[in-house]
Amino acid sequence: MNEQYIKLRELNRSHAAQAYHFPMSSDRLNRRLSADVDLALLLVDLVGARVAARFLAARGADFALICRVLAEPARRRSASRQTA
């Protein structure tokens, strides 16, 4: 299987597991948003920036964050590789 598809599937599973935990602490919200951004970067490669932007907006990301993440994807990718 395609490596990106596998990661996309894993991220979708983590989103489904997090959907039923209310109320969320700010730490949990930050982790969810971080996972959303990672997933959006995969979506950019798979289906384009427009779909990724819509995904982030639907998940509650603000406009400035969406623009920053999609305008500078290499910056985010290098940061996530360092922590992983």
Protein backbone atom coordinates (compact mmCIF):
# COMPACT_ATOMS: atom_id res chain seq x y z
CA MET A 1 0.00 0.00 0.00
CA ASN A 2 0.97 3.58 -0.53
CA GLU A 3 2.78 4.98 2.52
CA GLN A 4 0.72 8.19 2.47
CA TYR A 5 -2.52 6.20 2.32
CA ILE A 6 -1.51 4.17 5.37
CA LYS A 7 -0.67 7.33 7.35
CA LEU A 8 -3.94 8.95 6.25
CA ARG A 9 -5.88 5.90 7.44
CA GLU A 10 -4.08 5.91 10.81
CA LEU A 11 -4.79 9.61 11.31
CA ASN A 12 -8.46 9.08 10.47
CA ARG A 13 -8.66 6.37 13.12
CA SER A 14 -7.14 8.67 15.72
CA HIS A 15 -9.69 11.39 14.83
CA ALA A 16 -12.56 8.95 15.28
CA ALA A 17 -11.25 7.89 18.67
CA GLN A 18 -10.90 11.52 19.82
CA ALA A 19 -14.38 12.59 18.68
CA TYR A 20 -16.13 11.24 21.79
CA HIS A 21 -13.94 12.80 24.50
CA PHE A 22 -15.65 15.90 25.88
CA PRO A 23 -14.81 18.32 27.35
CA MET A 24 -11.33 18.52 25.91
CA SER A 25 -8.43 20.13 27.66
CA SER A 26 -6.39 22.65 25.70
CA ASP A 27 -3.57 20.07 25.49
CA ARG A 28 -5.90 17.57 23.87
CA LEU A 29 -7.21 20.25 21.51
CA ASN A 30 -3.63 21.11 20.53
CA ARG A 31 -2.86 17.45 19.83
CA ARG A 32 -6.03 17.12 17.76
CA LEU A 33 -5.19 20.25 15.80
CA SER A 34 -1.65 19.00 15.26
CA ALA A 35 -3.00 15.72 13.89
CA ASP A 36 -5.43 17.69 11.70
CA VAL A 37 -2.55 19.71 10.26
CA ASP A 38 -0.55 16.56 9.54
CA LEU A 39 -3.56 15.06 7.80
CA ALA A 40 -4.12 18.26 5.81
CA LEU A 41 -0.54 18.15 4.56
CA LEU A 42 -1.16 14.62 3.32
CA LEU A 43 -4.35 15.82 1.64
CA VAL A 44 -2.37 18.53 -0.18
CA ASP A 45 -0.24 15.81 -1.77
CA LEU A 46 -3.18 13.52 -2.50
CA VAL A 47 -6.01 15.83 -3.59
CA GLY A 48 -4.77 19.41 -3.46
CA ALA A 49 -4.58 22.48 -1.26
CA ARG A 50 -8.22 23.47 -1.71
CA VAL A 51 -9.48 20.24 -0.17
CA ALA A 52 -6.89 20.48 2.61
CA ALA A 53 -8.01 24.04 3.39
CA ARG A 54 -11.65 22.98 3.53
CA PHE A 55 -10.74 20.09 5.81
CA LEU A 56 -8.89 22.36 8.24
CA ALA A 57 -11.72 24.90 8.21
CA ALA A 58 -14.25 22.15 8.94
CA ARG A 59 -12.11 21.00 11.86
CA GLY A 60 -12.15 24.52 13.36
CA ALA A 61 -8.74 25.86 12.33
CA ASP A 62 -8.68 29.62 11.90
CA PHE A 63 -7.94 31.27 8.58
CA ALA A 64 -4.44 32.46 9.56
CA LEU A 65 -3.39 28.97 10.58
CA ILE A 66 -4.73 27.47 7.34
CA CYS A 67 -2.85 30.02 5.25
CA ARG A 68 0.38 29.56 7.21
CA VAL A 69 0.30 25.76 7.06
CA LEU A 70 -0.54 25.58 3.37
CA ALA A 71 1.86 28.38 2.37
CA GLU A 72 4.83 26.83 4.21
CA PRO A 73 4.31 23.05 4.31
CA ALA A 74 8.05 22.27 4.39
CA ARG A 75 8.39 24.16 7.67
CA ARG A 76 5.72 22.01 9.33
CA ARG A 77 7.02 18.77 7.82
CA SER A 78 10.55 19.38 9.07
CA ALA A 79 9.27 20.17 12.59
CA SER A 80 7.19 16.99 12.75
CA ARG A 81 10.08 14.86 11.57
CA GLN A 82 12.32 16.23 14.30
CA THR A 83 9.86 15.28 17.06
CA ALA A 84 8.91 11.90 15.59
